[in-house]
N, C-alpha and C. Protein backbone atom coordinates (compact mmCIF):
# COMPACT_ATOMS: atom_id res chain seq x y z
N MET A 1 89.13 83.32 86.96
CA MET A 1 89.12 83.15 88.57
C MET A 1 90.76 83.15 89.20
N ASN A 2 90.54 83.99 90.13
CA ASN A 2 92.04 84.27 90.69
C ASN A 2 92.63 83.32 91.43
N GLN A 3 93.74 82.83 91.44
CA GLN A 3 94.16 81.47 91.90
C GLN A 3 95.02 81.88 93.32
N TYR A 4 95.06 83.01 93.61
CA TYR A 4 95.76 83.55 94.83
C TYR A 4 94.99 84.89 95.34
N PRO A 5 94.95 84.90 96.78
CA PRO A 5 94.66 86.06 97.58
C PRO A 5 95.05 87.17 97.19
N LEU A 6 93.85 88.42 97.04
CA LEU A 6 94.69 89.61 96.52
C LEU A 6 95.44 90.21 97.48
N THR A 7 96.52 91.11 96.86
CA THR A 7 97.83 91.65 97.84
C THR A 7 97.29 93.10 98.18
N GLY A 8 97.54 93.15 99.70
CA GLY A 8 97.16 94.54 100.14
C GLY A 8 97.85 95.82 99.70
N PHE A 9 99.13 95.52 98.88
CA PHE A 9 100.12 96.46 99.21
C PHE A 9 99.93 97.28 97.83
N HIS A 10 99.41 97.14 96.69
CA HIS A 10 99.10 97.87 95.90
C HIS A 10 97.71 98.34 95.26
N PHE A 11 97.42 99.38 96.14
CA PHE A 11 96.22 100.31 96.03
C PHE A 11 96.13 101.51 95.61
N LYS A 12 95.02 102.13 95.65
CA LYS A 12 94.95 103.69 95.10
C LYS A 12 93.59 103.87 95.86
N ALA A 13 93.32 105.39 96.03
CA ALA A 13 92.07 105.80 96.38
C ALA A 13 91.72 106.96 95.50
N SER A 14 90.62 106.85 94.87
CA SER A 14 90.34 108.09 94.08
C SER A 14 89.15 108.91 94.70
N PHE A 15 89.02 110.50 94.58
CA PHE A 15 88.40 111.08 94.95
C PHE A 15 87.48 111.82 93.65
N LEU A 16 86.11 111.30 93.65
CA LEU A 16 85.85 112.03 92.47
C LEU A 16 85.04 113.10 92.91
N GLY A 17 85.46 114.12 91.89
CA GLY A 17 85.07 115.57 92.41
C GLY A 17 85.61 116.34 93.04
N LEU A 18 86.92 115.60 93.46
CA LEU A 18 87.85 116.88 94.23
C LEU A 18 88.13 118.25 93.69
N PRO A 19 87.53 119.19 94.03
CA PRO A 19 88.10 120.45 93.46
C PRO A 19 89.65 120.53 93.54
N GLY A 20 90.42 120.72 92.78
CA GLY A 20 91.81 120.96 92.93
C GLY A 20 92.53 120.27 92.70
N GLU A 21 91.91 118.68 92.45
CA GLU A 21 92.85 117.62 92.66
C GLU A 21 94.24 117.59 91.90
N THR A 22 95.39 117.21 92.83
CA THR A 22 96.56 117.04 92.07
C THR A 22 97.05 115.75 92.04
N PRO A 23 98.29 115.36 91.13
CA PRO A 23 98.37 113.61 90.85
C PRO A 23 98.61 113.33 92.41
N VAL A 24 99.13 113.83 93.40
CA VAL A 24 99.66 113.24 94.62
C VAL A 24 98.10 112.96 95.36
N ASP A 25 97.18 113.31 95.27
CA ASP A 25 96.31 113.30 95.98
C ASP A 25 95.44 111.88 95.80
N VAL A 26 95.97 110.73 94.96
CA VAL A 26 95.65 109.41 95.09
C VAL A 26 96.76 108.69 96.09
N LYS A 27 97.83 108.78 96.24
CA LYS A 27 98.71 107.87 96.63
C LYS A 27 98.66 107.85 98.16
N PHE A 28 98.73 106.93 98.82
CA PHE A 28 98.24 106.86 100.05
C PHE A 28 99.50 105.73 100.42
N LYS A 29 99.82 106.10 101.76
CA LYS A 29 100.75 104.76 102.34
C LYS A 29 99.99 103.74 103.03
N ASN A 30 98.91 104.28 103.55
CA ASN A 30 97.91 103.37 104.42
C ASN A 30 96.33 103.88 104.49
N ILE A 31 95.14 102.70 103.90
CA ILE A 31 94.24 102.90 103.72
C ILE A 31 93.56 101.81 105.17
N SER A 32 92.84 102.50 105.98
CA SER A 32 92.26 101.33 107.16
C SER A 32 91.08 101.64 107.54
N GLY A 33 89.93 100.96 108.07
CA GLY A 33 88.93 101.54 108.40
C GLY A 33 87.50 100.84 107.46
N LEU A 34 87.71 100.32 106.49
CA LEU A 34 86.84 99.70 105.33
C LEU A 34 86.23 98.68 106.41
N THR A 35 85.13 98.96 107.21
CA THR A 35 84.49 98.04 108.04
C THR A 35 82.56 98.73 107.92
N MET A 36 82.33 96.97 107.37
CA MET A 36 80.89 97.11 108.25
C MET A 36 80.40 96.48 109.19
N SER A 37 79.09 96.45 109.70
CA SER A 37 78.37 95.66 110.75
C SER A 37 77.12 95.83 110.93
N LEU A 38 76.35 94.85 111.56
CA LEU A 38 74.83 94.87 111.85
C LEU A 38 74.77 95.04 113.31
N ASN A 39 74.07 96.36 113.42
CA ASN A 39 73.56 96.46 114.98
C ASN A 39 72.42 95.29 115.28
N THR A 40 72.30 95.52 116.44
CA THR A 40 71.37 94.37 117.01
C THR A 40 70.75 95.17 117.73
N GLU A 41 69.17 94.82 118.29
CA GLU A 41 68.57 95.23 119.36
C GLU A 41 68.16 94.33 120.01
N PRO A 42 68.30 93.95 121.52
CA PRO A 42 67.77 92.80 122.37
C PRO A 42 66.66 93.00 122.44
N LEU A 43 65.85 91.74 122.55
CA LEU A 43 64.60 91.66 122.81
C LEU A 43 64.38 90.49 123.75
N ASN A 44 63.48 90.54 124.71
CA ASN A 44 63.30 89.64 125.84
C ASN A 44 62.07 89.06 125.65
N GLU A 45 61.86 87.92 125.60
CA GLU A 45 60.84 86.68 125.25
C GLU A 45 60.44 86.53 126.72
N GLY A 46 58.99 86.87 127.11
CA GLY A 46 58.13 86.56 128.24
C GLY A 46 58.35 84.87 128.33
N GLY A 47 58.65 84.80 129.81
CA GLY A 47 58.94 83.34 129.98
C GLY A 47 60.18 82.65 129.78
N GLU A 48 60.84 83.20 128.75
CA GLU A 48 62.36 82.62 128.42
C GLU A 48 63.23 83.35 129.04
N ASN A 49 64.23 82.77 130.01
CA ASN A 49 64.97 83.32 130.95
C ASN A 49 66.46 82.82 130.51
N ARG A 50 66.69 82.18 129.60
CA ARG A 50 67.98 81.58 129.18
C ARG A 50 68.65 82.41 128.24
N PHE A 51 68.21 83.64 127.30
CA PHE A 51 68.74 84.13 126.69
C PHE A 51 67.73 85.25 126.27
N GLN A 52 68.31 86.17 125.07
CA GLN A 52 67.75 87.42 124.48
C GLN A 52 67.73 86.99 123.13
N HIS A 53 66.58 87.51 122.58
CA HIS A 53 66.44 87.25 120.91
C HIS A 53 67.62 88.66 120.59
N LYS A 54 68.12 88.59 119.29
CA LYS A 54 68.68 89.69 119.01
C LYS A 54 68.47 90.21 117.52
N LEU A 55 67.48 91.29 117.72
CA LEU A 55 66.89 91.47 116.16
C LEU A 55 67.87 92.46 115.28
N PRO A 56 68.28 92.59 114.03
CA PRO A 56 69.06 93.00 113.19
C PRO A 56 68.01 94.58 113.21
N THR A 57 69.06 95.77 113.29
CA THR A 57 68.34 96.50 113.16
C THR A 57 68.80 97.51 111.74
N ARG A 58 70.14 98.05 111.63
CA ARG A 58 70.81 98.60 110.80
C ARG A 58 72.12 98.38 110.48
N ALA A 59 72.85 98.24 109.01
CA ALA A 59 74.00 98.21 109.07
C ALA A 59 74.81 99.51 109.65
N ALA A 60 75.72 99.40 110.07
CA ALA A 60 77.05 100.83 110.71
C ALA A 60 78.21 100.40 109.61
N TYR A 61 78.70 101.70 109.54
CA TYR A 61 79.91 101.59 108.79
C TYR A 61 80.85 102.57 109.89
N SER A 62 82.31 101.93 109.99
CA SER A 62 83.46 102.76 110.99
C SER A 62 84.01 103.74 109.94
N ASP A 63 84.70 104.75 110.45
CA ASP A 63 85.20 105.88 109.82
C ASP A 63 86.71 105.15 109.00
N ILE A 64 86.75 105.65 108.25
CA ILE A 64 88.09 105.56 107.43
C ILE A 64 88.91 106.07 107.57
N THR A 65 90.48 105.64 107.76
CA THR A 65 91.92 106.60 107.81
C THR A 65 92.50 106.23 106.76
N LEU A 66 92.97 107.86 106.41
CA LEU A 66 94.10 107.58 104.90
C LEU A 66 95.33 107.86 105.77
N LYS A 67 96.54 107.56 105.30
CA LYS A 67 97.68 108.07 105.91
C LYS A 67 98.84 108.23 104.63
N ARG A 68 99.39 109.51 104.63
CA ARG A 68 100.06 109.36 103.16
C ARG A 68 101.24 110.70 103.78
N GLY A 69 102.34 110.65 102.76
CA GLY A 69 103.22 111.89 103.24
C GLY A 69 102.43 113.09 103.14
N PHE A 70 103.06 114.09 103.54
CA PHE A 70 102.64 115.30 103.82
C PHE A 70 102.82 116.27 102.44
N PHE A 71 101.90 116.58 101.97
CA PHE A 71 102.32 117.31 100.59
C PHE A 71 101.70 119.05 100.72
N ILE A 72 102.17 119.74 100.16
CA ILE A 72 101.62 121.31 100.46
C ILE A 72 100.64 121.61 99.39
N ASN A 73 99.77 122.15 99.93
CA ASN A 73 98.83 123.11 98.85
C ASN A 73 97.96 121.96 97.65
N THR A 74 97.65 120.50 98.53
CA THR A 74 96.95 119.60 97.54
C THR A 74 95.37 119.86 97.60
N GLY A 75 94.85 119.27 96.97
CA GLY A 75 93.52 119.59 96.80
C GLY A 75 92.65 118.94 97.84
N LEU A 76 93.53 117.74 98.23
CA LEU A 76 92.63 117.08 99.53
C LEU A 76 92.99 117.92 100.64
N TYR A 77 94.07 118.35 100.96
CA TYR A 77 94.31 119.38 101.98
C TYR A 77 93.56 120.29 102.13
N LYS A 78 93.12 121.06 101.11
CA LYS A 78 92.44 122.41 101.14
C LYS A 78 90.91 121.74 101.25
N TRP A 79 90.71 120.75 100.86
CA TRP A 79 89.33 120.08 101.09
C TRP A 79 88.82 119.95 102.83
N CYS A 80 89.90 119.15 103.18
CA CYS A 80 90.01 118.95 104.84
C CYS A 80 89.66 120.19 105.60
N LYS A 81 90.75 121.21 105.14
CA LYS A 81 90.93 122.40 105.81
C LYS A 81 89.63 122.90 105.58
N ASN A 82 88.74 123.16 104.44
CA ASN A 82 87.62 124.15 104.39
C ASN A 82 86.42 123.16 105.21
N ALA A 83 86.43 122.39 105.50
CA ALA A 83 85.69 121.48 106.05
C ALA A 83 85.43 121.42 107.71
N ILE A 84 86.80 121.67 108.08
CA ILE A 84 87.05 121.69 109.78
C ILE A 84 87.22 123.37 110.13
N GLU A 85 87.71 123.71 109.39
CA GLU A 85 87.93 125.48 109.67
C GLU A 85 86.80 126.08 109.59
N HIS A 86 86.18 126.03 108.41
CA HIS A 86 85.52 127.15 107.82
C HIS A 86 83.80 126.32 107.73
N PHE A 87 83.88 125.09 108.23
CA PHE A 87 82.75 124.50 108.32
C PHE A 87 82.02 124.29 106.63
N GLU A 88 82.67 124.15 105.67
CA GLU A 88 82.14 123.91 104.35
C GLU A 88 82.37 122.42 104.00
N PHE A 89 81.52 121.87 103.97
CA PHE A 89 81.44 120.56 103.39
C PHE A 89 80.92 120.09 102.20
N VAL A 90 81.77 119.44 101.49
CA VAL A 90 81.71 118.95 99.98
C VAL A 90 81.64 117.49 100.35
N PRO A 91 80.91 116.89 100.38
CA PRO A 91 80.82 115.18 100.36
C PRO A 91 81.14 115.17 98.83
N LEU A 92 82.36 113.75 98.99
CA LEU A 92 82.65 113.15 98.03
C LEU A 92 82.75 111.79 97.96
N THR A 93 82.54 111.34 96.73
CA THR A 93 82.50 109.57 96.50
C THR A 93 83.94 109.52 96.36
N ILE A 94 84.40 107.86 96.83
CA ILE A 94 85.80 107.76 97.02
C ILE A 94 85.46 106.26 96.43
N LEU A 95 86.53 106.10 95.47
CA LEU A 95 86.86 104.93 94.80
C LEU A 95 88.26 104.27 95.49
N ILE A 96 88.13 103.34 96.26
CA ILE A 96 89.42 102.61 96.98
C ILE A 96 89.36 101.26 96.06
N SER A 97 90.46 100.93 95.43
CA SER A 97 90.90 100.04 94.46
C SER A 97 92.23 99.37 94.93
N LEU A 98 91.76 97.72 94.95
CA LEU A 98 93.28 97.17 94.76
C LEU A 98 93.54 96.77 93.44
N LEU A 99 95.16 96.87 93.17
CA LEU A 99 95.37 97.09 91.89
C LEU A 99 96.42 95.55 91.59
N ASN A 100 96.43 95.50 90.70
CA ASN A 100 97.02 93.97 89.90
C ASN A 100 98.45 94.47 89.74
N GLU A 101 99.31 93.55 88.83
CA GLU A 101 100.30 94.16 88.64
C GLU A 101 100.75 94.83 87.30
N GLU A 102 99.53 94.87 86.51
CA GLU A 102 99.61 96.22 85.30
C GLU A 102 98.78 97.39 85.57
N HIS A 103 98.61 97.46 87.19
CA HIS A 103 97.74 98.81 87.84
C HIS A 103 96.50 98.89 87.41
N GLN A 104 95.79 97.93 87.03
CA GLN A 104 94.75 97.85 87.18
C GLN A 104 93.54 97.59 88.21
N PRO A 105 92.47 98.02 88.75
CA PRO A 105 91.97 97.21 89.61
C PRO A 105 91.50 96.06 89.28
N THR A 106 91.70 95.42 90.79
CA THR A 106 91.24 94.02 90.63
C THR A 106 89.81 93.81 91.54
N PHE A 107 89.78 94.81 92.74
CA PHE A 107 88.43 95.10 93.27
C PHE A 107 88.36 95.92 93.68
N SER A 108 87.26 96.76 93.68
CA SER A 108 86.90 98.06 94.46
C SER A 108 85.83 98.48 95.11
N TRP A 109 85.93 99.36 95.98
CA TRP A 109 84.55 99.83 97.03
C TRP A 109 84.37 101.17 96.58
N ARG A 110 83.33 101.46 96.53
CA ARG A 110 82.88 102.92 96.16
C ARG A 110 82.64 103.50 97.99
N VAL A 111 82.76 104.50 98.14
CA VAL A 111 82.24 104.94 99.45
C VAL A 111 81.47 106.19 99.21
N PHE A 112 80.59 106.63 99.73
CA PHE A 112 79.69 107.45 99.42
C PHE A 112 79.62 108.36 100.49
N ASN A 113 79.49 109.96 100.04
CA ASN A 113 78.82 110.60 101.03
C ASN A 113 80.34 111.22 102.17
N ALA A 114 81.50 110.83 101.63
CA ALA A 114 82.54 111.21 102.70
C ALA A 114 82.53 112.68 103.13
N ILE A 115 82.86 112.84 104.14
CA ILE A 115 83.32 114.28 104.70
C ILE A 115 84.60 114.25 105.84
N PRO A 116 85.32 114.78 105.29
CA PRO A 116 86.77 114.77 106.76
C PRO A 116 86.20 114.83 108.10
N THR A 117 86.79 114.31 109.15
CA THR A 117 86.54 114.81 110.65
C THR A 117 87.29 114.94 111.21
N LYS A 118 88.83 114.41 110.98
CA LYS A 118 89.95 114.52 111.45
C LYS A 118 90.82 114.99 110.44
N TRP A 119 91.84 115.57 110.83
CA TRP A 119 93.13 115.57 110.11
C TRP A 119 94.41 116.08 111.02
N GLU A 120 95.27 114.99 111.10
CA GLU A 120 96.60 115.17 111.96
C GLU A 120 97.65 114.88 111.18
N ILE A 121 98.87 115.26 111.82
CA ILE A 121 100.20 115.16 111.21
C ILE A 121 101.17 114.66 112.37
N THR A 122 102.12 113.73 111.56
CA THR A 122 102.70 113.28 112.76
C THR A 122 103.77 114.01 113.54
N ALA A 123 104.22 113.58 114.53
CA ALA A 123 105.34 114.75 115.67
C ALA A 123 106.67 114.97 114.82
N PHE A 124 106.78 115.85 115.28
CA PHE A 124 108.25 116.34 114.29
C PHE A 124 109.32 115.81 115.58
N ASP A 125 110.55 115.24 115.04
CA ASP A 125 111.24 114.43 115.81
C ASP A 125 112.79 115.06 115.61
N ALA A 126 113.85 115.42 115.94
CA ALA A 126 114.81 115.74 115.32
C ALA A 126 115.87 114.84 115.60
N GLU A 127 115.49 113.70 116.23
CA GLU A 127 116.32 112.17 116.64
C GLU A 127 115.89 111.23 115.65
N SER A 128 115.01 111.87 114.48
CA SER A 128 114.47 110.46 113.50
C SER A 128 114.61 111.17 112.17
N ASN A 129 114.61 110.64 110.94
CA ASN A 129 114.74 110.85 109.59
C ASN A 129 113.72 110.25 108.88
N GLU A 130 112.31 110.49 109.52
CA GLU A 130 111.31 110.01 108.92
C GLU A 130 110.67 111.21 108.38
N ILE A 131 109.84 110.79 106.90
CA ILE A 131 108.78 111.82 106.52
C ILE A 131 107.61 112.08 107.19
N VAL A 132 106.89 113.40 106.88
CA VAL A 132 106.23 113.78 107.78
C VAL A 132 104.61 113.06 107.08
N ILE A 133 104.00 112.38 107.93
CA ILE A 133 102.75 111.70 107.81
C ILE A 133 101.65 112.54 108.52
N GLU A 134 100.69 112.69 107.11
CA GLU A 134 99.35 113.31 107.87
C GLU A 134 98.10 112.37 107.49
N SER A 135 97.23 112.01 108.44
CA SER A 135 96.32 111.30 108.54
C SER A 135 94.95 112.08 108.43
N ILE A 136 94.36 111.38 107.63
CA ILE A 136 92.77 111.84 107.56
C ILE A 136 91.94 111.01 107.63
N VAL A 137 90.95 111.45 108.62
CA VAL A 137 89.76 110.51 108.97
C VAL A 137 88.47 111.01 108.09
N LEU A 138 88.08 110.09 107.91
CA LEU A 138 86.67 110.38 106.68
C LEU A 138 85.18 109.89 107.39
N SER A 139 84.48 110.37 107.57
CA SER A 139 83.09 109.64 108.06
C SER A 139 82.24 109.86 106.29
N TYR A 140 81.50 108.86 106.51
CA TYR A 140 80.68 108.64 105.33
C TYR A 140 79.30 107.68 105.65
N SER A 141 78.45 107.80 104.62
CA SER A 141 77.45 107.19 104.66
C SER A 141 77.36 105.54 104.60
N TYR A 142 77.91 105.22 103.57
CA TYR A 142 78.02 103.77 103.41
C TYR A 142 78.93 103.50 102.28
N PHE A 143 79.10 102.18 102.13
CA PHE A 143 80.12 101.59 100.62
C PHE A 143 79.82 100.44 100.02
N THR A 144 79.95 100.32 99.06
CA THR A 144 79.49 99.15 98.14
C THR A 144 80.51 98.68 97.65
N SER A 145 80.82 97.13 97.07
CA SER A 145 81.82 96.67 96.44
C SER A 145 81.23 96.83 94.94
N VAL A 146 82.47 96.86 94.20
CA VAL A 146 81.91 97.39 92.58
C VAL A 146 82.71 96.09 91.65
């Protein structure tokens, strides 16, 4: 049993079946948006005016945003470009893992049917010395913990 909470600074995201994958395709600065919620539908009961019943309908999953330094001609960049520019979608499964000090997964989430919906690059600024960051937004069906 783990005596301490898991840390969020040592992680990786693996794209299972990514065509043309390169070693940098699993390295990210930030991954956000791994969120699930339950939608509800209001139901009014006749004669009861104090409240509405809220009936659960289905689960909802928000988009995931991945940020990393910009690399040229990676498999991930080509996958995004083909989807957005050429409308050629190849849904992928993504494995997001928190890693321990031995770089082994301690907890993971499997994201199903992910497709890129947005690709963005940071602003260019001659007065700063920051690296160029690309942001990739993915839409997906659902995720499960592994």
